N, C-alpha and C. Protein backbone atom coordinates (compact mmCIF):
# COMPACT_ATOMS: atom_id res chain seq x y z
N MET A 1 12.48 3.02 -16.18
CA MET A 1 12.56 3.93 -15.89
C MET A 1 11.47 4.98 -15.71
N GLU A 2 11.84 5.92 -14.50
CA GLU A 2 10.59 6.51 -14.11
C GLU A 2 10.38 7.49 -15.08
N ASP A 3 8.80 7.60 -15.44
CA ASP A 3 8.30 8.09 -16.49
C ASP A 3 7.74 9.89 -15.79
N SER A 4 7.67 10.81 -16.87
CA SER A 4 7.66 11.84 -16.25
C SER A 4 6.40 12.56 -15.19
N ARG A 5 5.61 11.90 -15.70
CA ARG A 5 4.53 12.04 -14.57
C ARG A 5 4.19 12.05 -13.18
N SER A 6 5.43 10.23 -13.32
CA SER A 6 5.50 10.03 -12.19
C SER A 6 6.53 10.53 -11.09
N LYS A 7 7.80 11.03 -11.84
CA LYS A 7 8.79 11.41 -11.51
C LYS A 7 7.94 13.40 -10.41
N ILE A 8 7.19 14.10 -11.30
CA ILE A 8 5.91 15.02 -11.04
C ILE A 8 5.47 14.37 -9.55
N LEU A 9 4.68 13.94 -9.84
CA LEU A 9 3.85 13.31 -8.54
C LEU A 9 5.34 13.21 -7.53
N ASN A 10 6.37 12.63 -8.11
CA ASN A 10 7.21 12.04 -6.60
C ASN A 10 7.52 13.23 -5.53
N ALA A 11 8.32 13.97 -6.36
CA ALA A 11 8.70 15.64 -6.40
C ALA A 11 7.42 16.37 -5.37
N SER A 12 6.52 16.35 -5.65
CA SER A 12 5.60 17.45 -5.41
C SER A 12 4.67 17.12 -4.10
N ALA A 13 5.23 15.41 -4.18
CA ALA A 13 4.73 15.04 -2.21
C ALA A 13 6.29 15.28 -1.54
N GLN A 14 7.17 15.24 -1.70
CA GLN A 14 8.17 15.64 -1.12
C GLN A 14 8.00 17.16 -0.95
N LEU A 15 7.92 18.25 -1.80
CA LEU A 15 8.47 19.84 -1.39
C LEU A 15 6.91 20.11 -0.95
N PHE A 16 5.29 19.23 -0.98
CA PHE A 16 4.71 19.84 -0.27
C PHE A 16 4.87 19.46 1.25
N VAL A 17 5.21 18.60 1.66
CA VAL A 17 5.80 17.92 3.28
C VAL A 17 7.13 19.40 3.21
N LYS A 18 7.71 19.44 2.76
CA LYS A 18 8.79 20.05 3.24
C LYS A 18 8.25 22.12 3.42
N ASN A 19 7.58 22.17 2.16
CA ASN A 19 7.04 23.88 1.85
C ASN A 19 5.60 23.86 2.01
N GLY A 20 5.05 23.30 2.37
CA GLY A 20 3.30 22.98 2.22
C GLY A 20 2.92 23.30 1.10
N TYR A 21 1.55 23.21 0.55
CA TYR A 21 0.91 23.25 -0.95
C TYR A 21 1.42 24.41 -1.11
N ASP A 22 0.93 25.08 -0.52
CA ASP A 22 1.12 27.07 -0.23
C ASP A 22 1.80 27.53 -0.69
N GLY A 23 3.41 27.06 -0.20
CA GLY A 23 4.48 26.94 -0.32
C GLY A 23 5.49 26.74 -1.63
N THR A 24 4.58 26.09 -1.73
CA THR A 24 5.52 24.89 -3.09
C THR A 24 5.29 26.11 -4.41
N SER A 25 5.65 25.96 -5.54
CA SER A 25 5.54 26.63 -6.48
C SER A 25 5.66 25.57 -8.05
N VAL A 26 4.75 25.88 -8.83
CA VAL A 26 4.75 24.97 -9.93
C VAL A 26 6.47 24.76 -10.74
N ARG A 27 6.78 25.80 -10.30
CA ARG A 27 8.65 26.56 -11.12
C ARG A 27 9.17 25.00 -10.26
N GLN A 28 9.43 25.05 -8.57
CA GLN A 28 9.84 24.20 -7.81
C GLN A 28 9.60 23.12 -8.63
N ILE A 29 8.26 21.88 -8.21
CA ILE A 29 7.91 21.25 -9.04
C ILE A 29 8.78 20.43 -9.53
N ALA A 30 9.04 21.16 -10.89
CA ALA A 30 9.27 20.79 -12.34
C ALA A 30 11.14 21.23 -12.22
N LYS A 31 11.23 21.73 -11.00
CA LYS A 31 12.81 21.68 -11.42
C LYS A 31 13.25 20.62 -10.39
N GLU A 32 12.22 19.93 -9.08
CA GLU A 32 12.65 19.24 -8.68
C GLU A 32 12.78 17.64 -9.21
N ALA A 33 11.48 17.43 -9.92
CA ALA A 33 11.61 16.44 -11.06
C ALA A 33 12.52 16.27 -12.18
N GLY A 34 12.74 17.45 -12.38
CA GLY A 34 13.39 17.44 -13.54
C GLY A 34 13.16 17.51 -14.83
N VAL A 35 11.88 18.04 -14.90
CA VAL A 35 11.07 18.33 -16.31
C VAL A 35 11.10 19.47 -16.59
N ASN A 36 10.52 20.09 -17.63
CA ASN A 36 9.90 20.99 -18.33
C ASN A 36 9.01 21.52 -17.50
N ILE A 37 8.71 22.93 -17.51
CA ILE A 37 7.21 22.78 -16.60
C ILE A 37 6.28 22.70 -17.34
N ALA A 38 6.55 22.77 -18.34
CA ALA A 38 5.17 22.57 -19.56
C ALA A 38 4.36 21.16 -19.13
N MET A 39 5.45 19.92 -19.03
CA MET A 39 4.58 18.71 -18.87
C MET A 39 4.14 18.48 -17.55
N ILE A 40 4.23 19.54 -16.70
CA ILE A 40 3.29 19.52 -15.10
C ILE A 40 1.77 20.26 -15.95
N SER A 41 2.01 21.21 -16.67
CA SER A 41 0.45 21.42 -17.22
C SER A 41 -0.33 20.57 -18.20
N TYR A 42 0.44 19.99 -18.94
CA TYR A 42 -0.10 18.91 -19.67
C TYR A 42 -0.47 17.52 -19.14
N TYR A 43 -0.26 16.80 -18.07
CA TYR A 43 -0.57 16.29 -17.35
C TYR A 43 -1.61 16.72 -16.17
N PHE A 44 -0.99 17.14 -15.56
CA PHE A 44 -2.19 17.48 -14.54
C PHE A 44 -2.92 19.41 -14.49
N LYS A 45 -2.42 20.31 -15.89
CA LYS A 45 -3.10 21.50 -15.78
C LYS A 45 -2.89 22.27 -14.71
N SER A 46 -2.92 22.14 -13.29
CA SER A 46 -2.57 22.99 -12.42
C SER A 46 -1.34 22.42 -11.16
N LYS A 47 -0.78 23.04 -10.54
CA LYS A 47 -0.70 22.56 -9.50
C LYS A 47 -1.72 21.88 -8.26
N GLU A 48 -3.15 21.87 -8.63
CA GLU A 48 -4.32 21.55 -7.72
C GLU A 48 -4.59 20.39 -8.31
N GLY A 49 -4.50 20.07 -9.72
CA GLY A 49 -4.20 19.42 -10.80
C GLY A 49 -3.12 18.17 -10.09
N VAL A 50 -2.21 18.61 -9.60
CA VAL A 50 -1.15 17.72 -9.23
C VAL A 50 -1.61 17.16 -7.91
N LEU A 51 -2.23 18.08 -6.79
CA LEU A 51 -2.24 17.49 -5.45
C LEU A 51 -3.31 16.66 -5.81
N VAL A 52 -4.21 16.73 -6.40
CA VAL A 52 -5.69 15.91 -6.95
C VAL A 52 -5.18 14.76 -7.18
N ASP A 53 -4.53 14.45 -8.22
CA ASP A 53 -3.78 12.95 -8.57
C ASP A 53 -3.18 12.42 -7.99
N LEU A 54 -2.05 13.35 -6.66
CA LEU A 54 -1.47 12.57 -5.86
C LEU A 54 -2.36 11.82 -5.21
N ILE A 55 -3.48 12.43 -4.46
CA ILE A 55 -4.68 12.09 -3.19
C ILE A 55 -5.11 10.75 -3.79
N THR A 56 -5.69 10.96 -5.45
CA THR A 56 -6.36 10.32 -5.89
C THR A 56 -5.84 8.65 -5.91
N GLU A 57 -4.83 9.07 -6.78
CA GLU A 57 -4.33 7.30 -6.90
C GLU A 57 -3.53 6.98 -5.71
N THR A 58 -3.42 7.37 -4.43
CA THR A 58 -2.33 6.79 -3.92
C THR A 58 -4.14 6.07 -2.86
N SER A 59 -5.07 6.51 -3.01
CA SER A 59 -6.49 6.50 -2.37
C SER A 59 -6.92 4.83 -3.52
N ASN A 60 -6.80 5.27 -4.57
CA ASN A 60 -6.97 3.95 -5.12
C ASN A 60 -6.38 2.74 -5.02
N LYS A 61 -4.89 3.29 -4.62
CA LYS A 61 -4.12 1.90 -4.67
C LYS A 61 -4.69 1.38 -3.20
N MET A 62 -5.15 1.84 -1.87
CA MET A 62 -6.38 1.29 -0.96
C MET A 62 -7.30 0.78 -1.02
N ASP A 63 -7.97 1.56 -2.30
CA ASP A 63 -9.23 0.68 -2.87
C ASP A 63 -8.80 -1.03 -3.17
N GLU A 64 -8.35 -1.02 -3.84
CA GLU A 64 -7.52 -2.21 -4.20
C GLU A 64 -7.21 -3.05 -3.56
N LYS A 65 -6.68 -2.43 -2.41
CA LYS A 65 -6.13 -3.70 -1.10
C LYS A 65 -7.04 -3.81 -0.89
N THR A 66 -8.22 -3.31 -0.39
CA THR A 66 -9.71 -3.21 0.35
C THR A 66 -10.53 -4.05 -0.32
N ARG A 67 -10.61 -4.45 -1.52
CA ARG A 67 -11.39 -4.71 -2.30
C ARG A 67 -11.04 -6.15 -2.38
N LYS A 68 -9.39 -6.59 -1.94
CA LYS A 68 -8.89 -7.56 -1.92
C LYS A 68 -9.61 -8.49 -0.44
N ILE A 69 -9.34 -7.25 0.31
CA ILE A 69 -9.55 -7.93 1.48
C ILE A 69 -11.35 -8.57 1.79
N LYS A 70 -11.72 -8.07 0.85
CA LYS A 70 -13.26 -8.26 1.15
C LYS A 70 -13.66 -9.36 0.42
N ASP A 71 -12.79 -10.17 -0.73
CA ASP A 71 -12.63 -11.20 -1.33
C ASP A 71 -12.60 -12.00 -0.51
N LEU A 72 -12.03 -12.08 0.85
CA LEU A 72 -11.04 -13.15 1.15
C LEU A 72 -11.80 -13.95 2.60
N ASN A 73 -11.91 -15.02 2.57
CA ASN A 73 -12.94 -15.72 3.69
C ASN A 73 -12.22 -15.89 4.97
N LEU A 74 -12.95 -14.74 5.63
CA LEU A 74 -12.20 -14.55 7.15
C LEU A 74 -13.09 -14.36 8.17
N GLU A 75 -13.05 -14.96 9.46
CA GLU A 75 -13.59 -14.63 10.43
C GLU A 75 -13.91 -12.83 10.82
N PRO A 76 -14.82 -12.77 11.49
CA PRO A 76 -14.95 -11.03 11.69
C PRO A 76 -14.03 -10.27 12.32
N ARG A 77 -13.52 -10.75 13.31
CA ARG A 77 -12.09 -10.21 14.02
C ARG A 77 -10.91 -9.83 13.03
N GLU A 78 -10.88 -11.03 12.83
CA GLU A 78 -9.44 -11.42 11.47
C GLU A 78 -9.81 -9.94 10.45
N ARG A 79 -10.79 -9.93 9.69
CA ARG A 79 -11.38 -9.36 8.57
C ARG A 79 -10.48 -7.80 9.34
N THR A 80 -11.36 -7.40 10.37
CA THR A 80 -11.23 -6.19 11.01
C THR A 80 -9.79 -5.69 11.42
N THR A 81 -9.20 -7.14 11.74
CA THR A 81 -7.98 -6.04 11.96
C THR A 81 -6.99 -6.25 10.46
N LEU A 82 -6.86 -6.75 9.94
CA LEU A 82 -6.32 -7.24 8.73
C LEU A 82 -6.73 -5.73 7.83
N ILE A 83 -7.87 -4.90 8.19
CA ILE A 83 -8.42 -3.89 7.24
C ILE A 83 -7.43 -2.80 7.84
N PHE A 84 -7.45 -2.51 9.04
CA PHE A 84 -6.79 -2.11 10.11
C PHE A 84 -5.51 -2.09 9.66
N GLN A 85 -4.27 -2.80 9.24
CA GLN A 85 -3.44 -3.22 9.65
C GLN A 85 -2.98 -3.19 7.95
N THR A 86 -3.93 -3.22 7.21
CA THR A 86 -3.73 -2.94 5.75
C THR A 86 -2.91 -1.31 5.64
N TYR A 87 -4.54 -0.36 5.79
CA TYR A 87 -4.10 1.18 6.48
C TYR A 87 -2.75 1.23 6.82
N VAL A 88 -2.66 0.78 7.75
CA VAL A 88 -1.38 1.02 9.03
C VAL A 88 -0.01 0.85 7.39
N ASP A 89 -0.21 -0.36 7.01
CA ASP A 89 0.64 -0.18 5.73
C ASP A 89 0.75 0.39 5.07
N HIS A 90 -0.28 1.11 4.23
CA HIS A 90 -0.74 2.03 3.43
C HIS A 90 0.37 3.51 3.79
N PHE A 91 -0.28 3.38 4.98
CA PHE A 91 0.21 4.92 5.62
C PHE A 91 1.92 4.72 5.76
N VAL A 92 2.15 3.51 5.89
CA VAL A 92 3.35 3.25 6.24
C VAL A 92 4.56 3.77 4.85
N ASP A 93 3.46 3.13 4.04
CA ASP A 93 4.70 2.87 2.11
C ASP A 93 4.36 4.27 1.74
N TYR A 94 3.50 5.12 1.79
CA TYR A 94 2.72 6.41 1.07
C TYR A 94 2.84 7.89 2.58
N ASP A 95 4.04 7.63 3.36
CA ASP A 95 4.24 8.51 4.65
C ASP A 95 3.97 9.88 4.09
N LEU A 96 4.81 10.27 2.69
CA LEU A 96 4.65 11.68 2.30
C LEU A 96 3.45 12.26 2.06
N VAL A 97 2.53 10.91 1.15
CA VAL A 97 0.97 11.61 0.63
C VAL A 97 -0.11 11.90 2.39
N SER A 98 0.14 10.93 2.53
CA SER A 98 -0.45 10.48 4.47
C SER A 98 -0.18 11.92 5.01
N TYR A 99 0.53 12.19 4.76
CA TYR A 99 1.25 13.53 5.72
C TYR A 99 0.16 14.89 4.89
N VAL A 100 0.41 14.73 3.34
CA VAL A 100 0.00 16.14 2.94
C VAL A 100 -1.76 15.87 3.26
N PHE A 101 -1.95 14.07 2.90
CA PHE A 101 -4.01 14.38 3.28
C PHE A 101 -3.97 15.11 4.30
N GLY A 102 -3.50 14.79 5.26
CA GLY A 102 -3.82 15.29 7.17
C GLY A 102 -3.83 16.50 6.69
N THR A 103 -2.62 17.13 6.28
CA THR A 103 -2.11 18.59 6.59
C THR A 103 -3.30 19.42 6.04
N GLU A 104 -3.87 19.06 4.66
CA GLU A 104 -4.64 19.78 3.52
C GLU A 104 -6.38 19.71 4.26
N LEU A 105 -6.13 18.41 4.98
CA LEU A 105 -7.22 18.43 5.93
C LEU A 105 -7.68 19.08 7.20
N SER A 106 -6.51 19.59 7.76
CA SER A 106 -6.44 20.12 8.81
C SER A 106 -6.80 21.62 8.47
N LEU A 107 -6.13 22.12 7.83
CA LEU A 107 -5.96 23.35 7.31
C LEU A 107 -6.95 24.30 6.53
N ASN A 108 -7.90 22.80 5.90
CA ASN A 108 -9.15 22.84 5.49
C ASN A 108 -9.13 25.10 4.60
N ARG A 109 -8.05 24.80 3.38
CA ARG A 109 -8.07 25.91 3.22
C ARG A 109 -8.58 25.93 1.36
N ASN A 110 -8.35 24.50 0.47
CA ASN A 110 -8.92 24.51 -0.52
C ASN A 110 -10.46 23.63 -0.67
N LYS A 111 -11.50 24.09 -0.62
CA LYS A 111 -12.93 23.52 -0.77
C LYS A 111 -12.33 22.14 -1.34
N ASN A 112 -12.17 22.64 -2.66
CA ASN A 112 -12.12 21.42 -3.97
C ASN A 112 -11.14 19.81 -3.77
N ILE A 113 -10.10 20.25 -2.86
CA ILE A 113 -8.91 19.38 -1.92
C ILE A 113 -9.57 18.67 -1.13
N VAL A 114 -10.29 19.63 0.01
CA VAL A 114 -11.49 19.06 1.29
C VAL A 114 -12.25 18.03 0.93
N ASP A 115 -13.12 18.73 0.20
CA ASP A 115 -13.87 17.43 -0.56
C ASP A 115 -13.76 16.34 -0.83
N LEU A 116 -12.45 16.19 -1.63
CA LEU A 116 -12.08 15.37 -2.20
C LEU A 116 -11.90 14.32 -1.03
N ILE A 117 -10.79 14.71 -0.36
CA ILE A 117 -10.78 14.31 0.99
C ILE A 117 -11.23 13.37 2.00
N LEU A 118 -12.60 13.98 2.17
CA LEU A 118 -13.59 13.53 3.16
C LEU A 118 -14.55 12.83 2.81
N SER A 119 -14.59 12.74 0.92
CA SER A 119 -14.99 11.90 0.52
C SER A 119 -14.37 10.21 0.41
N ILE A 120 -13.16 10.56 0.05
CA ILE A 120 -11.98 9.02 0.46
C ILE A 120 -12.23 8.16 1.89
N ILE A 121 -12.14 9.32 2.91
CA ILE A 121 -12.66 9.05 4.40
C ILE A 121 -13.93 8.80 4.65
N SER A 122 -15.09 9.24 3.99
CA SER A 122 -16.16 8.33 4.34
C SER A 122 -16.49 7.43 3.81
N LYS A 123 -16.08 7.32 2.23
CA LYS A 123 -15.51 5.78 1.94
C LYS A 123 -14.80 4.39 2.68
N SER A 124 -13.90 4.70 2.97
CA SER A 124 -13.02 3.76 3.96
C SER A 124 -13.99 3.83 5.41
N HIS A 125 -14.43 4.68 5.72
CA HIS A 125 -14.82 4.42 7.33
C HIS A 125 -16.32 3.51 7.18
N GLU A 126 -16.91 3.69 6.17
CA GLU A 126 -18.33 3.06 5.94
C GLU A 126 -17.95 1.39 6.00
N TYR A 127 -16.96 1.30 5.59
CA TYR A 127 -16.56 -0.55 5.73
C TYR A 127 -15.68 -1.12 6.22
N MET A 128 -14.83 -0.33 7.32
CA MET A 128 -14.69 -0.09 8.57
C MET A 128 -15.77 0.02 9.94
N TYR A 129 -16.32 0.54 9.68
CA TYR A 129 -17.61 0.90 10.55
C TYR A 129 -18.86 -0.85 10.32
N LYS A 130 -18.80 -1.01 9.14
CA LYS A 130 -19.33 -2.42 8.58
C LYS A 130 -18.49 -3.70 9.58
N CYS A 131 -17.19 -4.02 9.14
CA CYS A 131 -15.94 -4.52 10.06
C CYS A 131 -16.25 -4.75 11.67
N ILE A 132 -16.45 -3.70 12.22
CA ILE A 132 -16.29 -3.44 13.61
C ILE A 132 -17.86 -4.08 13.99
N LYS A 133 -18.83 -3.67 13.39
CA LYS A 133 -20.16 -4.48 13.78
C LYS A 133 -20.32 -5.52 13.58
N ASP A 134 -19.11 -6.16 12.61
CA ASP A 134 -19.38 -7.48 12.58
C ASP A 134 -18.86 -8.39 13.52
N CYS A 135 -18.18 -7.74 14.20
CA CYS A 135 -17.37 -8.25 15.36
C CYS A 135 -18.20 -8.14 16.63
N LYS A 136 -18.78 -7.11 16.56
CA LYS A 136 -19.48 -6.71 18.11
C LYS A 136 -20.88 -6.10 17.52
N SER A 137 -22.37 -6.06 17.61
CA SER A 137 -23.42 -5.96 17.11
C SER A 137 -23.57 -5.13 18.12
N ASP A 138 -23.71 -5.17 19.10
CA ASP A 138 -23.80 -4.26 20.13
C ASP A 138 -22.93 -3.01 20.23
N ILE A 139 -21.42 -3.02 19.87
CA ILE A 139 -20.86 -1.38 20.64
C ILE A 139 -21.62 -0.46 19.75
N ASP A 140 -21.72 0.46 20.92
CA ASP A 140 -22.23 1.90 21.42
C ASP A 140 -21.86 2.41 19.81
N ASP A 141 -23.15 3.04 18.99
CA ASP A 141 -22.74 3.38 17.55
C ASP A 141 -21.14 4.46 17.29
N THR A 142 -21.63 5.36 18.41
CA THR A 142 -20.24 6.51 18.65
C THR A 142 -19.10 6.36 18.48
N VAL A 143 -18.95 4.99 19.23
CA VAL A 143 -17.99 4.56 19.67
C VAL A 143 -17.37 3.75 18.30
N CYS A 144 -18.19 3.29 17.94
CA CYS A 144 -17.95 2.22 16.38
C CYS A 144 -17.72 3.43 15.19
N LYS A 145 -18.29 4.65 14.86
CA LYS A 145 -18.17 5.42 14.38
C LYS A 145 -16.91 6.01 14.25
N MET A 146 -16.04 6.38 15.90
CA MET A 146 -15.41 6.97 15.92
C MET A 146 -14.08 5.99 15.80
N MET A 147 -14.37 4.78 16.05
CA MET A 147 -12.89 3.73 16.11
C MET A 147 -12.01 4.18 14.86
N PRO A 148 -12.62 4.26 13.66
CA PRO A 148 -11.38 4.70 12.62
C PRO A 148 -10.52 5.60 12.23
N VAL A 149 -11.46 6.51 12.73
CA VAL A 149 -10.71 8.37 13.20
C VAL A 149 -10.12 8.30 13.96
N MET A 150 -10.27 7.64 14.90
CA MET A 150 -9.03 7.37 15.91
C MET A 150 -7.75 6.94 16.38
N ILE A 151 -7.88 5.26 15.33
CA ILE A 151 -6.46 4.18 15.33
C ILE A 151 -6.22 5.39 14.12
N LEU A 152 -6.79 5.54 12.93
CA LEU A 152 -6.44 6.55 11.41
C LEU A 152 -5.20 7.79 11.45
N GLY A 153 -6.13 8.27 12.88
CA GLY A 153 -5.95 9.68 13.44
C GLY A 153 -4.42 9.22 13.97
N MET A 154 -4.44 8.26 15.09
CA MET A 154 -2.91 8.35 16.03
C MET A 154 -2.16 7.47 15.20
N VAL A 155 -2.42 6.60 14.19
CA VAL A 155 -1.35 6.19 13.29
C VAL A 155 -0.35 7.51 12.22
N ASN A 156 -1.62 8.35 11.82
CA ASN A 156 -0.98 9.15 10.80
C ASN A 156 -0.15 10.17 11.63
N LYS A 157 -0.82 10.46 12.65
CA LYS A 157 -0.13 11.28 13.94
C LYS A 157 1.08 10.73 14.19
N ALA A 158 1.85 9.57 14.13
CA ALA A 158 2.65 8.98 14.98
C ALA A 158 3.72 8.88 13.55
N LEU A 159 3.23 8.93 12.12
CA LEU A 159 4.14 8.96 11.02
C LEU A 159 4.46 10.21 11.01
N SER A 160 3.48 11.48 10.69
CA SER A 160 3.84 12.60 10.61
C SER A 160 4.59 13.54 11.65
N THR A 161 4.56 13.44 12.81
CA THR A 161 5.43 13.38 13.67
C THR A 161 6.46 12.57 14.63
N PRO A 162 7.38 12.07 13.49
CA PRO A 162 7.93 11.10 13.93
C PRO A 162 9.46 11.26 15.43
N ARG A 163 9.07 12.07 15.63
CA ARG A 163 10.08 12.28 17.14
C ARG A 163 9.47 12.80 18.15
N ALA A 164 8.20 12.74 18.13
CA ALA A 164 7.50 12.51 19.11
C ALA A 164 7.24 10.74 19.43
N MET A 165 7.26 9.79 18.36
CA MET A 165 7.20 8.80 18.63
C MET A 165 8.53 8.30 18.76
N ASP A 166 9.56 9.11 19.39
CA ASP A 166 10.83 8.44 19.17
C ASP A 166 10.72 8.81 20.57
N ILE A 167 10.11 10.42 21.28
CA ILE A 167 10.39 10.43 22.55
C ILE A 167 9.81 9.31 23.37
N ALA A 168 8.73 8.99 22.74
CA ALA A 168 7.59 8.22 23.42
C ALA A 168 7.71 6.72 23.77
N LEU A 169 8.61 6.20 22.68
CA LEU A 169 9.02 4.94 22.81
C LEU A 169 10.66 5.07 23.74
N GLY A 170 11.41 5.56 23.52
CA GLY A 170 12.26 5.95 24.44
C GLY A 170 13.44 5.57 23.56
N ASP A 171 13.60 5.96 22.43
CA ASP A 171 14.23 5.20 21.48
C ASP A 171 14.78 6.83 19.84
N THR A 172 15.60 7.58 20.57
CA THR A 172 16.30 8.66 19.43
C THR A 172 16.55 8.57 18.14
N SER A 173 16.47 7.03 17.52
CA SER A 173 16.88 6.97 16.02
C SER A 173 15.77 6.02 15.62
N PHE A 174 14.71 5.52 16.53
CA PHE A 174 13.47 5.26 15.55
C PHE A 174 12.88 5.20 14.60
N SER A 175 12.83 6.85 14.44
CA SER A 175 12.23 7.22 13.44
C SER A 175 12.89 6.92 12.07
N ASN A 176 14.45 6.70 12.48
CA ASN A 176 15.74 6.43 10.82
C ASN A 176 15.21 5.42 10.37
N LYS A 177 14.91 4.49 11.61
CA LYS A 177 15.09 2.62 10.99
C LYS A 177 13.96 2.57 9.90
N ASN A 178 14.94 0.90 9.80
CA ASN A 178 13.90 0.94 8.58
C ASN A 178 11.77 0.77 8.35
N LYS A 179 11.39 1.03 7.98
CA LYS A 179 9.84 1.10 7.70
C LYS A 179 9.17 -0.57 8.34
N ARG A 180 9.63 -1.44 8.54
CA ARG A 180 9.66 -2.98 9.12
C ARG A 180 9.60 -2.69 10.62
N GLU A 181 10.26 -1.70 11.43
CA GLU A 181 10.12 -1.74 12.37
C GLU A 181 8.97 -0.86 12.87
N THR A 182 8.69 0.31 12.38
CA THR A 182 8.04 1.18 12.08
C THR A 182 6.07 0.43 11.75
N ARG A 183 6.29 -0.77 11.31
CA ARG A 183 4.81 -1.44 10.52
C ARG A 183 4.85 -2.38 12.65
N LYS A 184 5.65 -2.15 12.56
CA LYS A 184 5.69 -3.80 13.40
C LYS A 184 5.18 -3.11 14.86
N ILE A 185 5.57 -1.65 15.07
CA ILE A 185 4.87 -0.99 16.33
C ILE A 185 3.70 -0.48 16.47
N LEU A 186 3.12 -0.34 14.94
CA LEU A 186 2.17 0.56 14.38
C LEU A 186 0.78 -0.72 14.50
N HIS A 187 1.48 -2.07 14.21
CA HIS A 187 -0.08 -2.93 14.50
C HIS A 187 0.25 -3.44 15.62
N LEU A 188 1.38 -3.51 16.17
CA LEU A 188 0.77 -3.57 18.00
C LEU A 188 -0.19 -2.76 18.31
N PHE A 189 0.14 -1.67 18.01
CA PHE A 189 -0.82 -0.50 18.93
C PHE A 189 -2.52 -0.91 18.51
N VAL A 190 -2.54 -1.26 16.95
CA VAL A 190 -4.07 -1.77 16.46
C VAL A 190 -4.36 -2.94 17.34
N GLN A 191 -3.94 -3.92 17.62
CA GLN A 191 -3.86 -4.59 18.22
C GLN A 191 -4.62 -4.70 19.11
N ASN A 192 -3.34 -3.81 19.99
CA ASN A 192 -4.17 -3.77 21.15
C ASN A 192 -5.17 -3.04 21.62
N TYR A 193 -5.20 -1.50 20.59
CA TYR A 193 -6.98 -0.70 20.70
C TYR A 193 -8.21 -1.56 20.37
N LEU A 194 -7.90 -2.65 19.23
CA LEU A 194 -8.98 -3.41 18.73
C LEU A 194 -9.53 -4.46 20.21
N THR A 195 -8.90 -4.89 21.15
CA THR A 195 -8.68 -5.74 22.07
C THR A 195 -9.22 -4.56 23.11
N LEU A 196 -8.92 -3.37 23.25
CA LEU A 196 -9.74 -2.75 24.64
C LEU A 196 -10.73 -2.50 23.87
N GLN A 197 -11.59 -2.04 22.47
CA GLN A 197 -12.71 -2.35 22.28
C GLN A 197 -13.57 -3.04 21.99
N LEU A 198 -12.88 -4.44 21.64
CA LEU A 198 -13.79 -5.74 20.59
C LEU A 198 -13.67 -6.71 21.71
N GLY A 199 -12.41 -6.59 23.27
CA GLY A 199 -12.55 -7.55 23.80
C GLY A 199 -11.67 -8.57 22.86
N LYS A 200 -10.80 -9.55 23.68
CA LYS A 200 -9.75 -10.97 22.93
C LYS A 200 -10.88 -11.40 21.78
N GLU A 201 -9.84 -11.99 21.18
CA GLU A 201 -10.63 -12.53 19.83
C GLU A 201 -10.55 -14.48 20.51
């Protein structure tokens, strides 16, 4: 059974997407999660604490996946493709949190939250930068630094605006299909973008 803490995190992600962080109250989170409002204070201290834990715990799961990739004996291009595709899968699996992540960063209203998000981005981009450089050491440094921003930014945008993806693909029901189809099209995008910047494998 889902424990109270997990229920609060899941409910908050849904409400933050639906109403925005500022438009969501602690009372609404408690009601959506089916818990006593005191439970939020007990586990998270405040609404900001809920958001911090939501972002941190999701990021920690990606960190674990990255560590596993680092331990694999892979060719540079294979490793680079895998790390980007793993991020795609992570964004698909945690699409609500990814949306909240992007929204809070773009709105830039809460310094604590923005600083947390930027520290996460900086750490992940450092490893992706290294992977890209291992593939093509003479790649322009600015291009290399921008590639993670461009790829992950476009993937996150596609997931957070599903109607735009429907229109682009000419399929009005695409965003309602299962996650496997979403992964497939985004993996293809990543592969093609890497080929454009790094050449064929």
